[in-house]
Amino acid sequence: MRTGVTAVLPRGRDSALTPAFGAWFPLNGNGEMTRAAWLEDSGQLAGAVMITNTHSVGVVRDAAIAWRIKQGAADASGYWWSLPVVAETWDGYLNDINGFHVKSEHALRALDEAKGGPVAEGNVGGGTGMICHEFKGGIGTASRVVEVAGAERRVGVLVQANYGLRDSLRIAGVPVGQHLRKHRAYTEPEQAPKSETGSIIVVVATDAPLLPHQLKRIARRPTLALGRMGSSSGNGSGDIFVAFSTANAEALKGKELSRAEFVGNDAMDALFTATVQATEEAIVNAMVAAREMHGQDGHYAIALPHEELVKLLRQYGRSPKP
């Protein structure tokens, strides 16, 4: 078993009863994110964002509904109605994915134990068995603070990174993948992918007041970060992004008439830049935090070699000398 589940609560414990404005963007759709159709139509994200492996989406979705029921009253319409957001990437190289090891209790525990503060990275949660650019991948996070409309605004990104080929990997613009070919990543050479078939889920959160169409613009920006990392988002890749704003809680209480505050479009550039930078850093952090892992049938994934990476970055002038 090399798998798990990760939970993101947009409004903490209030997530069950108060939605957030949100949007999604599928750069390449060979993957799954439930609720996407209603998120597109309504512009509202209700409940948690859950991330797991490809074959565990159903059980995690059911658990997220059960968790929602336990949190309190019915929604503003008076109905117990729930369409959770559950996304996935494939961990079947290291994990016995058809063993269905993610159970309802694992998803419920992820929801119950979710908290603010520093986020565990690398081989944790839904990222446990993931591989990124043929190195061990997993969960990564990063954030930025920018000034928008006269106030400090935060952009935070969480990724489940499971995509990419070795040769194309670039970090800070350095073609590190081409320098690190000697590190064999697969038990047998023929197991190495011939094309980009992995996936990545990106969750972008901000406290800037944004409307759904503006969050759609934010949700497109991780595309640029993937390009910086060397990805071309191959045909077999599920690259799916979701963005939400924690602002405007009062406007989403279900009233017939509500008022929402929003940043003007001309003031959004700093948020775009923050999203791209934080996504790129989150992917790097996922690989830096991850450790070598052995999985089913003798398969293994090597960790990104830290010392060699630092040496390459210094060689290209991207890191200060010791």
C-alpha atoms as a PDB file:
ATOM      1  CA  MET A   1       0.000   0.000   0.000  1.00  0.00           C
ATOM      2  CA  ARG A   2       1.480   3.305  -1.143  1.00  0.00           C
ATOM      3  CA  THR A   3      -1.517   5.602  -1.221  1.00  0.00           C
ATOM      4  CA  GLY A   4      -3.689   7.961   0.800  1.00  0.00           C
ATOM      5  CA  VAL A   5      -6.051  10.923   0.752  1.00  0.00           C
ATOM      6  CA  THR A   6      -5.631  14.681   1.280  1.00  0.00           C
ATOM      7  CA  ALA A   7      -8.350  17.112   2.390  1.00  0.00           C
ATOM      8  CA  VAL A   8      -8.466  20.892   1.898  1.00  0.00           C
ATOM      9  CA  LEU A   9     -11.155  22.823   3.809  1.00  0.00           C
ATOM     10  CA  PRO A  10     -11.577  26.234   2.129  1.00  0.00           C
ATOM     11  CA  ARG A  11     -13.263  27.797   5.164  1.00  0.00           C
ATOM     12  CA  GLY A  12     -12.029  25.459   7.867  1.00  0.00           C
ATOM     13  CA  ARG A  13     -14.902  24.050   9.934  1.00  0.00           C
ATOM     14  CA  ASP A  14     -17.304  26.478   8.240  1.00  0.00           C
ATOM     15  CA  SER A  15     -16.705  24.761   4.896  1.00  0.00           C
ATOM     16  CA  ALA A  16     -19.650  22.405   5.332  1.00  0.00           C
ATOM     17  CA  LEU A  17     -22.242  25.183   5.538  1.00  0.00           C
ATOM     18  CA  THR A  18     -20.728  28.200   3.763  1.00  0.00           C
ATOM     19  CA  PRO A  19     -19.509  27.777   0.171  1.00  0.00           C
ATOM     20  CA  ALA A  20     -16.788  29.808  -1.492  1.00  0.00           C
ATOM     21  CA  PHE A  21     -16.658  31.385  -4.912  1.00  0.00           C
ATOM     22  CA  GLY A  22     -14.611  29.033  -7.095  1.00  0.00           C
ATOM     23  CA  ALA A  23     -13.684  27.859 -10.577  1.00  0.00           C
ATOM     24  CA  TRP A  24     -11.813  25.042 -12.264  1.00  0.00           C
ATOM     25  CA  PHE A  25      -9.711  24.587 -15.382  1.00  0.00           C
ATOM     26  CA  PRO A  26      -8.734  21.315 -17.102  1.00  0.00           C
ATOM     27  CA  LEU A  27      -5.474  21.878 -18.985  1.00  0.00           C
ATOM     28  CA  ASN A  28      -5.627  18.251 -20.122  1.00  0.00           C
ATOM     29  CA  GLY A  29      -8.606  16.147 -19.172  1.00  0.00           C
ATOM     30  CA  ASN A  30      -7.246  12.605 -18.793  1.00  0.00           C
ATOM     31  CA  GLY A  31      -8.259  12.619 -15.142  1.00  0.00           C
ATOM     32  CA  GLU A  32     -11.170  13.188 -12.802  1.00  0.00           C
ATOM     33  CA  MET A  33     -12.525  15.987 -10.646  1.00  0.00           C
ATOM     34  CA  THR A  34     -16.069  15.482  -9.408  1.00  0.00           C
ATOM     35  CA  ARG A  35     -18.509  18.411  -9.112  1.00  0.00           C
ATOM     36  CA  ALA A  36     -16.742  20.154 -11.992  1.00  0.00           C
ATOM     37  CA  ALA A  37     -19.931  20.696 -14.020  1.00  0.00           C
ATOM     38  CA  TRP A  38     -21.766  22.367 -11.135  1.00  0.00           C
ATOM     39  CA  LEU A  39     -18.692  24.350 -10.129  1.00  0.00           C
ATOM     40  CA  GLU A  40     -18.576  25.693 -13.680  1.00  0.00           C
ATOM     41  CA  ASP A  41     -22.276  26.543 -13.694  1.00  0.00           C
ATOM     42  CA  SER A  42     -22.732  27.883 -10.163  1.00  0.00           C
ATOM     43  CA  GLY A  43     -19.316  29.404  -9.500  1.00  0.00           C
ATOM     44  CA  GLN A  44     -19.504  28.053  -5.962  1.00  0.00           C
ATOM     45  CA  LEU A  45     -17.341  25.484  -4.186  1.00  0.00           C
ATOM     46  CA  ALA A  46     -19.109  23.763  -1.292  1.00  0.00           C
ATOM     47  CA  GLY A  47     -17.433  21.509   1.262  1.00  0.00           C
ATOM     48  CA  ALA A  48     -13.904  20.171   1.032  1.00  0.00           C
ATOM     49  CA  VAL A  49     -11.525  19.561  -1.842  1.00  0.00           C
ATOM     50  CA  MET A  50     -10.332  15.946  -1.633  1.00  0.00           C
ATOM     51  CA  ILE A  51      -7.402  14.408  -3.536  1.00  0.00           C
ATOM     52  CA  THR A  52      -6.616  10.686  -3.739  1.00  0.00           C
ATOM     53  CA  ASN A  53      -5.648   7.993  -6.254  1.00  0.00           C
ATOM     54  CA  THR A  54      -7.528   7.289  -9.464  1.00  0.00           C
ATOM     55  CA  HIS A  55      -9.405   4.208  -8.278  1.00  0.00           C
ATOM     56  CA  SER A  56     -10.453   5.659  -4.911  1.00  0.00           C
ATOM     57  CA  VAL A  57     -12.476   8.658  -6.086  1.00  0.00           C
ATOM     58  CA  GLY A  58     -15.793   6.936  -5.397  1.00  0.00           C
ATOM     59  CA  VAL A  59     -15.162   5.911  -1.804  1.00  0.00           C
ATOM     60  CA  VAL A  60     -13.676   9.327  -0.956  1.00  0.00           C
ATOM     61  CA  ARG A  61     -16.671  11.078  -2.513  1.00  0.00           C
ATOM     62  CA  ASP A  62     -19.093   8.980  -0.458  1.00  0.00           C
ATOM     63  CA  ALA A  63     -17.130   9.663   2.723  1.00  0.00           C
ATOM     64  CA  ALA A  64     -17.114  13.421   2.004  1.00  0.00           C
ATOM     65  CA  ILE A  65     -20.921  13.349   1.737  1.00  0.00           C
ATOM     66  CA  ALA A  66     -21.192  11.437   5.031  1.00  0.00           C
ATOM     67  CA  TRP A  67     -18.884  13.986   6.673  1.00  0.00           C
ATOM     68  CA  ARG A  68     -21.005  16.848   5.363  1.00  0.00           C
ATOM     69  CA  ILE A  69     -24.157  15.323   6.852  1.00  0.00           C
ATOM     70  CA  LYS A  70     -22.512  15.064  10.268  1.00  0.00           C
ATOM     71  CA  GLN A  71     -21.416  18.714  10.306  1.00  0.00           C
ATOM     72  CA  GLY A  72     -24.785  20.388  10.786  1.00  0.00           C
ATOM     73  CA  ALA A  73     -28.044  21.407   9.198  1.00  0.00           C
ATOM     74  CA  ALA A  74     -29.190  21.076   5.621  1.00  0.00           C
ATOM     75  CA  ASP A  75     -28.109  23.727   3.133  1.00  0.00           C
ATOM     76  CA  ALA A  76     -29.916  27.005   2.512  1.00  0.00           C
ATOM     77  CA  SER A  77     -32.423  25.282   0.223  1.00  0.00           C
ATOM     78  CA  GLY A  78     -33.463  22.987   3.069  1.00  0.00           C
ATOM     79  CA  TYR A  79     -32.093  19.850   1.423  1.00  0.00           C
ATOM     80  CA  TRP A  80     -29.302  17.455   2.409  1.00  0.00           C
ATOM     81  CA  TRP A  81     -27.607  17.801  -0.944  1.00  0.00           C
ATOM     82  CA  SER A  82     -23.918  17.404  -1.624  1.00  0.00           C
ATOM     83  CA  LEU A  83     -21.610  17.251  -4.616  1.00  0.00           C
ATOM     84  CA  PRO A  84     -18.058  17.072  -3.198  1.00  0.00           C
ATOM     85  CA  VAL A  85     -14.953  17.983  -5.176  1.00  0.00           C
ATOM     86  CA  VAL A  86     -12.756  14.877  -5.393  1.00  0.00           C
ATOM     87  CA  ALA A  87      -9.732  14.790  -7.703  1.00  0.00           C
ATOM     88  CA  GLU A  88      -7.134  12.126  -8.429  1.00  0.00           C
ATOM     89  CA  THR A  89      -3.777  11.161  -9.861  1.00  0.00           C
ATOM     90  CA  TRP A  90      -2.587   7.604 -10.613  1.00  0.00           C
ATOM     91  CA  ASP A  91      -0.224   5.884  -8.188  1.00  0.00           C
ATOM     92  CA  GLY A  92      -0.388   2.390  -9.693  1.00  0.00           C
ATOM     93  CA  TYR A  93       3.362   2.013 -10.249  1.00  0.00           C
ATOM     94  CA  LEU A  94       4.210   2.013  -6.546  1.00  0.00           C
ATOM     95  CA  ASN A  95       0.778   1.270  -5.108  1.00  0.00           C
ATOM     96  CA  ASP A  96      -1.475  -1.769  -5.407  1.00  0.00           C
ATOM     97  CA  ILE A  97      -4.123   0.527  -6.853  1.00  0.00           C
ATOM     98  CA  ASN A  98      -6.602  -2.268  -7.546  1.00  0.00           C
ATOM     99  CA  GLY A  99      -6.438  -3.360  -3.911  1.00  0.00           C
ATOM    100  CA  PHE A 100      -8.710  -0.399  -3.040  1.00  0.00           C
ATOM    101  CA  HIS A 101      -6.815   0.334   0.159  1.00  0.00           C
ATOM    102  CA  VAL A 102      -8.275   3.815   0.692  1.00  0.00           C
ATOM    103  CA  LYS A 103     -11.327   3.331   2.886  1.00  0.00           C
ATOM    104  CA  SER A 104     -14.062   5.654   4.084  1.00  0.00           C
ATOM    105  CA  GLU A 105     -12.415   5.974   7.497  1.00  0.00           C
ATOM    106  CA  HIS A 106      -9.216   7.299   5.906  1.00  0.00           C
ATOM    107  CA  ALA A 107     -11.098  10.080   4.125  1.00  0.00           C
ATOM    108  CA  LEU A 108     -13.051  10.934   7.271  1.00  0.00           C
ATOM    109  CA  ARG A 109      -9.845  11.098   9.291  1.00  0.00           C
ATOM    110  CA  ALA A 110      -8.274  13.440   6.725  1.00  0.00           C
ATOM    111  CA  LEU A 111     -11.302  15.726   7.028  1.00  0.00           C
ATOM    112  CA  ASP A 112     -11.462  15.600  10.819  1.00  0.00           C
ATOM    113  CA  GLU A 113      -7.734  16.205  11.284  1.00  0.00           C
ATOM    114  CA  ALA A 114      -7.350  18.987   8.711  1.00  0.00           C
ATOM    115  CA  LYS A 115      -5.981  22.123  10.341  1.00  0.00           C
ATOM    116  CA  GLY A 116      -4.313  25.420   9.559  1.00  0.00           C
ATOM    117  CA  GLY A 117      -0.584  26.061   9.658  1.00  0.00           C
ATOM    118  CA  PRO A 118       2.335  24.355   7.917  1.00  0.00           C
ATOM    119  CA  VAL A 119       1.342  21.537   5.552  1.00  0.00           C
ATOM    120  CA  ALA A 120       3.163  18.191   5.433  1.00  0.00           C
ATOM    121  CA  GLU A 121       4.801  17.656   2.028  1.00  0.00           C
ATOM    122  CA  GLY A 122       6.238  14.825  -0.031  1.00  0.00           C
ATOM    123  CA  ASN A 123       5.153  11.230   0.626  1.00  0.00           C
ATOM    124  CA  VAL A 124       1.961  12.107   2.483  1.00  0.00           C
ATOM    125  CA  GLY A 125      -1.798  11.865   1.964  1.00  0.00           C
ATOM    126  CA  GLY A 126      -2.929  11.514  -1.620  1.00  0.00           C
ATOM    127  CA  GLY A 127       0.657  12.153  -2.731  1.00  0.00           C
ATOM    128  CA  THR A 128       2.076   9.087  -0.977  1.00  0.00           C
ATOM    129  CA  GLY A 129       2.690   6.995  -4.087  1.00  0.00           C
ATOM    130  CA  MET A 130       3.161   9.704  -6.700  1.00  0.00           C
ATOM    131  CA  ILE A 131       6.100  10.267  -9.071  1.00  0.00           C
ATOM    132  CA  CYS A 132       7.074  13.607 -10.647  1.00  0.00           C
ATOM    133  CA  HIS A 133       9.493  13.992 -13.572  1.00  0.00           C
ATOM    134  CA  GLU A 134      10.598  10.402 -12.817  1.00  0.00           C
ATOM    135  CA  PHE A 135      11.616  11.353  -9.276  1.00  0.00           C
ATOM    136  CA  LYS A 136       9.527  10.739  -6.184  1.00  0.00           C
ATOM    137  CA  GLY A 137       6.759  13.330  -6.090  1.00  0.00           C
ATOM    138  CA  GLY A 138       3.709  13.927  -3.945  1.00  0.00           C
ATOM    139  CA  ILE A 139       2.210  16.853  -2.048  1.00  0.00           C
ATOM    140  CA  GLY A 140       3.818  20.285  -2.240  1.00  0.00           C
ATOM    141  CA  THR A 141       2.777  23.745  -1.095  1.00  0.00           C
ATOM    142  CA  ALA A 142       3.892  27.350  -1.440  1.00  0.00           C
ATOM    143  CA  SER A 143       2.414  30.812  -0.992  1.00  0.00           C
ATOM    144  CA  ARG A 144       2.906  34.472  -1.787  1.00  0.00           C
ATOM    145  CA  VAL A 145       1.818  37.741  -0.171  1.00  0.00           C
ATOM    146  CA  VAL A 146       1.094  40.587  -2.589  1.00  0.00           C
ATOM    147  CA  GLU A 147      -0.465  44.023  -2.387  1.00  0.00           C
ATOM    148  CA  VAL A 148      -3.740  44.261  -4.263  1.00  0.00           C
ATOM    149  CA  ALA A 149      -6.175  47.173  -4.128  1.00  0.00           C
ATOM    150  CA  GLY A 150      -4.329  48.727  -1.205  1.00  0.00           C
ATOM    151  CA  ALA A 151      -4.294  45.650   1.007  1.00  0.00           C
ATOM    152  CA  GLU A 152      -2.106  42.587   1.570  1.00  0.00           C
ATOM    153  CA  ARG A 153      -3.577  39.517  -0.127  1.00  0.00           C
ATOM    154  CA  ARG A 154      -2.409  35.928   0.108  1.00  0.00           C
ATOM    155  CA  VAL A 155      -2.235  33.233  -2.539  1.00  0.00           C
ATOM    156  CA  GLY A 156      -1.592  29.676  -1.400  1.00  0.00           C
ATOM    157  CA  VAL A 157      -1.088  26.654  -3.648  1.00  0.00           C
ATOM    158  CA  LEU A 158      -1.224  22.932  -2.916  1.00  0.00           C
ATOM    159  CA  VAL A 159      -0.241  20.407  -5.591  1.00  0.00           C
ATOM    160  CA  GLN A 160      -0.422  16.651  -5.924  1.00  0.00           C
ATOM    161  CA  ALA A 161       2.432  16.248  -8.410  1.00  0.00           C
ATOM    162  CA  ASN A 162       2.530  13.056 -10.460  1.00  0.00           C
ATOM    163  CA  TYR A 163       3.542  14.102 -13.964  1.00  0.00           C
ATOM    164  CA  GLY A 164       6.463  14.726 -16.297  1.00  0.00           C
ATOM    165  CA  LEU A 165       9.515  13.186 -17.935  1.00  0.00           C
ATOM    166  CA  ARG A 166      13.075  13.309 -16.606  1.00  0.00           C
ATOM    167  CA  ASP A 167      14.739  15.009 -19.569  1.00  0.00           C
ATOM    168  CA  SER A 168      12.290  17.893 -19.658  1.00  0.00           C
ATOM    169  CA  LEU A 169      12.605  18.828 -15.957  1.00  0.00           C
ATOM    170  CA  ARG A 170      13.647  22.426 -15.412  1.00  0.00           C
ATOM    171  CA  ILE A 171      14.059  24.114 -12.028  1.00  0.00           C
ATOM    172  CA  ALA A 172      14.632  27.883 -11.932  1.00  0.00           C
ATOM    173  CA  GLY A 173      15.181  27.630 -15.686  1.00  0.00           C
ATOM    174  CA  VAL A 174      18.012  25.106 -15.307  1.00  0.00           C
ATOM    175  CA  PRO A 175      17.671  21.878 -17.374  1.00  0.00           C
ATOM    176  CA  VAL A 176      18.430  19.737 -14.343  1.00  0.00           C
ATOM    177  CA  GLY A 177      16.708  16.666 -15.771  1.00  0.00           C
ATOM    178  CA  GLN A 178      19.258  16.366 -18.558  1.00  0.00           C
ATOM    179  CA  HIS A 179      22.074  16.468 -16.000  1.00  0.00           C
ATOM    180  CA  LEU A 180      20.503  13.803 -13.770  1.00  0.00           C
ATOM    181  CA  ARG A 181      19.944  11.018 -16.304  1.00  0.00           C
ATOM    182  CA  LYS A 182      22.347   8.659 -14.529  1.00  0.00           C
ATOM    183  CA  HIS A 183      19.889   8.127 -11.667  1.00  0.00           C
ATOM    184  CA  ARG A 184      17.875   5.134 -12.809  1.00  0.00           C
ATOM    185  CA  ALA A 185      14.260   5.565 -11.801  1.00  0.00           C
ATOM    186  CA  TYR A 186      12.729   2.244 -12.803  1.00  0.00           C
ATOM    187  CA  THR A 187      13.291  -1.393 -11.910  1.00  0.00           C
ATOM    188  CA  GLU A 188      13.476  -2.284 -15.597  1.00  0.00           C
ATOM    189  CA  PRO A 189      14.460   0.151 -18.388  1.00  0.00           C
ATOM    190  CA  GLU A 190      11.364  -0.731 -20.447  1.00  0.00           C
ATOM    191  CA  GLN A 191       9.176   0.565 -17.611  1.00  0.00           C
ATOM    192  CA  ALA A 192      10.306   4.130 -18.219  1.00  0.00           C
ATOM    193  CA  PRO A 193       7.542   6.201 -19.857  1.00  0.00           C
ATOM    194  CA  LYS A 194       7.929   7.109 -23.508  1.00  0.00           C
ATOM    195  CA  SER A 195       5.578  10.076 -23.239  1.00  0.00           C
ATOM    196  CA  GLU A 196       4.110  12.277 -20.540  1.00  0.00           C
ATOM    197  CA  THR A 197       1.329  10.197 -19.009  1.00  0.00           C
ATOM    198  CA  GLY A 198       1.179  11.390 -15.390  1.00  0.00           C
ATOM    199  CA  SER A 199      -1.070  14.005 -13.844  1.00  0.00           C
ATOM    200  CA  ILE A 200      -1.154  16.940 -11.450  1.00  0.00           C
ATOM    201  CA  ILE A 201      -3.890  18.456  -9.336  1.00  0.00           C
ATOM    202  CA  VAL A 202      -3.408  22.101  -8.342  1.00  0.00           C
ATOM    203  CA  VAL A 203      -5.513  23.823  -5.669  1.00  0.00           C
ATOM    204  CA  VAL A 204      -5.174  27.624  -5.537  1.00  0.00           C
ATOM    205  CA  ALA A 205      -6.587  29.502  -2.533  1.00  0.00           C
ATOM    206  CA  THR A 206      -6.690  33.252  -1.995  1.00  0.00           C
ATOM    207  CA  ASP A 207      -8.193  35.674   0.472  1.00  0.00           C
ATOM    208  CA  ALA A 208      -8.513  38.308  -2.262  1.00  0.00           C
ATOM    209  CA  PRO A 209     -12.187  39.009  -3.013  1.00  0.00           C
ATOM    210  CA  LEU A 210     -12.744  37.553  -6.478  1.00  0.00           C
ATOM    211  CA  LEU A 211     -15.811  36.545  -8.452  1.00  0.00           C
ATOM    212  CA  PRO A 212     -16.083  33.151 -10.186  1.00  0.00           C
ATOM    213  CA  HIS A 213     -15.091  34.436 -13.622  1.00  0.00           C
ATOM    214  CA  GLN A 214     -11.982  36.014 -12.066  1.00  0.00           C
ATOM    215  CA  LEU A 215     -11.152  32.762 -10.286  1.00  0.00           C
ATOM    216  CA  LYS A 216     -11.395  31.025 -13.646  1.00  0.00           C
ATOM    217  CA  ARG A 217      -8.604  33.323 -14.792  1.00  0.00           C
ATOM    218  CA  ILE A 218      -6.588  32.385 -11.688  1.00  0.00           C
ATOM    219  CA  ALA A 219      -7.267  28.675 -12.296  1.00  0.00           C
ATOM    220  CA  ARG A 220      -5.674  28.914 -15.747  1.00  0.00           C
ATOM    221  CA  ARG A 221      -2.380  30.325 -14.445  1.00  0.00           C
ATOM    222  CA  PRO A 222      -0.828  27.061 -13.128  1.00  0.00           C
ATOM    223  CA  THR A 223      -0.477  26.187 -16.816  1.00  0.00           C
ATOM    224  CA  LEU A 224       2.416  28.653 -17.025  1.00  0.00           C
ATOM    225  CA  ALA A 225       4.112  27.102 -13.992  1.00  0.00           C
ATOM    226  CA  LEU A 226       3.955  23.646 -15.578  1.00  0.00           C
ATOM    227  CA  GLY A 227       5.546  25.076 -18.700  1.00  0.00           C
ATOM    228  CA  ARG A 228       8.354  26.571 -16.621  1.00  0.00           C
ATOM    229  CA  MET A 229       8.940  23.144 -15.062  1.00  0.00           C
ATOM    230  CA  GLY A 230       9.247  21.566 -18.512  1.00  0.00           C
ATOM    231  CA  SER A 231       5.844  19.946 -18.953  1.00  0.00           C
ATOM    232  CA  SER A 232       3.975  19.905 -22.249  1.00  0.00           C
ATOM    233  CA  SER A 233       0.866  18.309 -20.674  1.00  0.00           C
ATOM    234  CA  GLY A 234       0.842  15.154 -22.748  1.00  0.00           C
ATOM    235  CA  ASN A 235      -2.206  13.334 -24.083  1.00  0.00           C
ATOM    236  CA  GLY A 236      -2.186  10.878 -21.173  1.00  0.00           C
ATOM    237  CA  SER A 237      -1.930  13.559 -18.496  1.00  0.00           C
ATOM    238  CA  GLY A 238      -4.733  14.709 -16.205  1.00  0.00           C
ATOM    239  CA  ASP A 239      -3.776  18.296 -15.363  1.00  0.00           C
ATOM    240  CA  ILE A 240      -6.725  19.786 -13.490  1.00  0.00           C
ATOM    241  CA  PHE A 241      -6.750  22.982 -11.449  1.00  0.00           C
ATOM    242  CA  VAL A 242      -9.250  24.483  -8.996  1.00  0.00           C
ATOM    243  CA  ALA A 243      -9.206  27.958  -7.446  1.00  0.00           C
ATOM    244  CA  PHE A 244     -11.301  29.496  -4.691  1.00  0.00           C
ATOM    245  CA  SER A 245     -11.553  32.681  -2.629  1.00  0.00           C
ATOM    246  CA  THR A 246     -12.188  32.720   1.108  1.00  0.00           C
ATOM    247  CA  ALA A 247     -13.630  36.255   0.908  1.00  0.00           C
ATOM    248  CA  ASN A 248     -17.312  37.179   0.594  1.00  0.00           C
ATOM    249  CA  ALA A 249     -18.592  34.632   3.124  1.00  0.00           C
ATOM    250  CA  GLU A 250     -21.665  36.736   3.923  1.00  0.00           C
ATOM    251  CA  ALA A 251     -22.617  36.911   0.245  1.00  0.00           C
ATOM    252  CA  LEU A 252     -22.771  33.112   0.108  1.00  0.00           C
ATOM    253  CA  LYS A 253     -25.231  32.472   2.927  1.00  0.00           C
ATOM    254  CA  GLY A 254     -28.031  31.612   0.503  1.00  0.00           C
ATOM    255  CA  LYS A 255     -30.002  34.860   0.618  1.00  0.00           C
ATOM    256  CA  GLU A 256     -32.205  35.788  -2.322  1.00  0.00           C
ATOM    257  CA  LEU A 257     -30.301  39.060  -2.724  1.00  0.00           C
ATOM    258  CA  SER A 258     -26.642  39.383  -1.753  1.00  0.00           C
ATOM    259  CA  ARG A 259     -23.766  41.774  -2.306  1.00  0.00           C
ATOM    260  CA  ALA A 260     -20.183  40.732  -3.025  1.00  0.00           C
ATOM    261  CA  GLU A 261     -16.949  42.731  -3.101  1.00  0.00           C
ATOM    262  CA  PHE A 262     -14.386  42.062  -5.798  1.00  0.00           C
ATOM    263  CA  VAL A 263     -11.013  43.239  -7.016  1.00  0.00           C
ATOM    264  CA  GLY A 264     -11.049  45.105 -10.306  1.00  0.00           C
ATOM    265  CA  ASN A 265      -9.634  43.206 -13.277  1.00  0.00           C
ATOM    266  CA  ASP A 266      -6.905  45.806 -13.743  1.00  0.00           C
ATOM    267  CA  ALA A 267      -5.630  45.014 -10.224  1.00  0.00           C
ATOM    268  CA  MET A 268      -5.296  41.264 -10.754  1.00  0.00           C
ATOM    269  CA  ASP A 269      -1.809  41.037 -12.277  1.00  0.00           C
ATOM    270  CA  ALA A 270      -0.088  40.568  -8.916  1.00  0.00           C
ATOM    271  CA  LEU A 271      -2.427  37.639  -8.175  1.00  0.00           C
ATOM    272  CA  PHE A 272      -1.617  36.049 -11.537  1.00  0.00           C
ATOM    273  CA  THR A 273       2.107  36.335 -10.866  1.00  0.00           C
ATOM    274  CA  ALA A 274       1.717  34.971  -7.342  1.00  0.00           C
ATOM    275  CA  THR A 275      -0.228  31.961  -8.630  1.00  0.00           C
ATOM    276  CA  VAL A 276       2.404  31.083 -11.223  1.00  0.00           C
ATOM    277  CA  GLN A 277       5.304  31.486  -8.801  1.00  0.00           C
ATOM    278  CA  ALA A 278       3.639  29.590  -5.950  1.00  0.00           C
ATOM    279  CA  THR A 279       2.620  26.707  -8.223  1.00  0.00           C
ATOM    280  CA  GLU A 280       6.132  26.344  -9.591  1.00  0.00           C
ATOM    281  CA  GLU A 281       7.606  26.416  -6.091  1.00  0.00           C
ATOM    282  CA  ALA A 282       5.017  23.958  -4.767  1.00  0.00           C
ATOM    283  CA  ILE A 283       5.990  21.409  -7.419  1.00  0.00           C
ATOM    284  CA  VAL A 284       9.674  21.785  -6.555  1.00  0.00           C
ATOM    285  CA  ASN A 285       8.847  21.507  -2.861  1.00  0.00           C
ATOM    286  CA  ALA A 286       6.940  18.278  -3.475  1.00  0.00           C
ATOM    287  CA  MET A 287      10.036  16.703  -5.049  1.00  0.00           C
ATOM    288  CA  VAL A 288      12.480  18.159  -2.525  1.00  0.00           C
ATOM    289  CA  ALA A 289      10.384  16.929   0.420  1.00  0.00           C
ATOM    290  CA  ALA A 290       9.753  13.472  -1.028  1.00  0.00           C
ATOM    291  CA  ARG A 291      11.963  10.531  -0.108  1.00  0.00           C
ATOM    292  CA  GLU A 292      12.841   7.375  -2.045  1.00  0.00           C
ATOM    293  CA  MET A 293      10.042   4.852  -1.907  1.00  0.00           C
ATOM    294  CA  HIS A 294       9.822   1.131  -2.633  1.00  0.00           C
ATOM    295  CA  GLY A 295       6.433  -0.226  -3.617  1.00  0.00           C
ATOM    296  CA  GLN A 296       4.691  -3.228  -5.107  1.00  0.00           C
ATOM    297  CA  ASP A 297       6.473  -5.848  -7.250  1.00  0.00           C
ATOM    298  CA  GLY A 298       9.914  -4.457  -6.439  1.00  0.00           C
ATOM    299  CA  HIS A 299       9.123  -1.068  -7.991  1.00  0.00           C
ATOM    300  CA  TYR A 300      10.770   2.015  -6.570  1.00  0.00           C
ATOM    301  CA  ALA A 301      11.031   5.739  -7.126  1.00  0.00           C
ATOM    302  CA  ILE A 302      14.230   7.615  -6.325  1.00  0.00           C
ATOM    303  CA  ALA A 303      14.262  10.966  -4.581  1.00  0.00           C
ATOM    304  CA  LEU A 304      15.561  14.114  -6.226  1.00  0.00           C
ATOM    305  CA  PRO A 305      19.270  14.265  -5.251  1.00  0.00           C
ATOM    306  CA  HIS A 306      19.518  17.431  -3.160  1.00  0.00           C
ATOM    307  CA  GLU A 307      23.272  17.970  -3.283  1.00  0.00           C
ATOM    308  CA  GLU A 308      23.463  17.553  -7.049  1.00  0.00           C
ATOM    309  CA  LEU A 309      20.504  19.880  -7.515  1.00  0.00           C
ATOM    310  CA  VAL A 310      22.142  22.624  -5.430  1.00  0.00           C
ATOM    311  CA  LYS A 311      25.398  22.165  -7.338  1.00  0.00           C
ATOM    312  CA  LEU A 312      23.605  22.537 -10.685  1.00  0.00           C
ATOM    313  CA  LEU A 313      21.724  25.637  -9.548  1.00  0.00           C
ATOM    314  CA  ARG A 314      24.992  27.242  -8.446  1.00  0.00           C
ATOM    315  CA  GLN A 315      26.669  26.216 -11.667  1.00  0.00           C
ATOM    316  CA  TYR A 316      24.006  28.117 -13.599  1.00  0.00           C
ATOM    317  CA  GLY A 317      24.079  31.079 -11.241  1.00  0.00           C
ATOM    318  CA  ARG A 318      20.675  30.396  -9.732  1.00  0.00           C
ATOM    319  CA  SER A 319      21.818  29.887  -6.133  1.00  0.00           C
ATOM    320  CA  PRO A 320      24.214  31.857  -3.943  1.00  0.00           C
ATOM    321  CA  LYS A 321      27.606  30.315  -3.344  1.00  0.00           C
ATOM    322  CA  PRO A 322      28.210  28.760   0.094  1.00  0.00           C
END
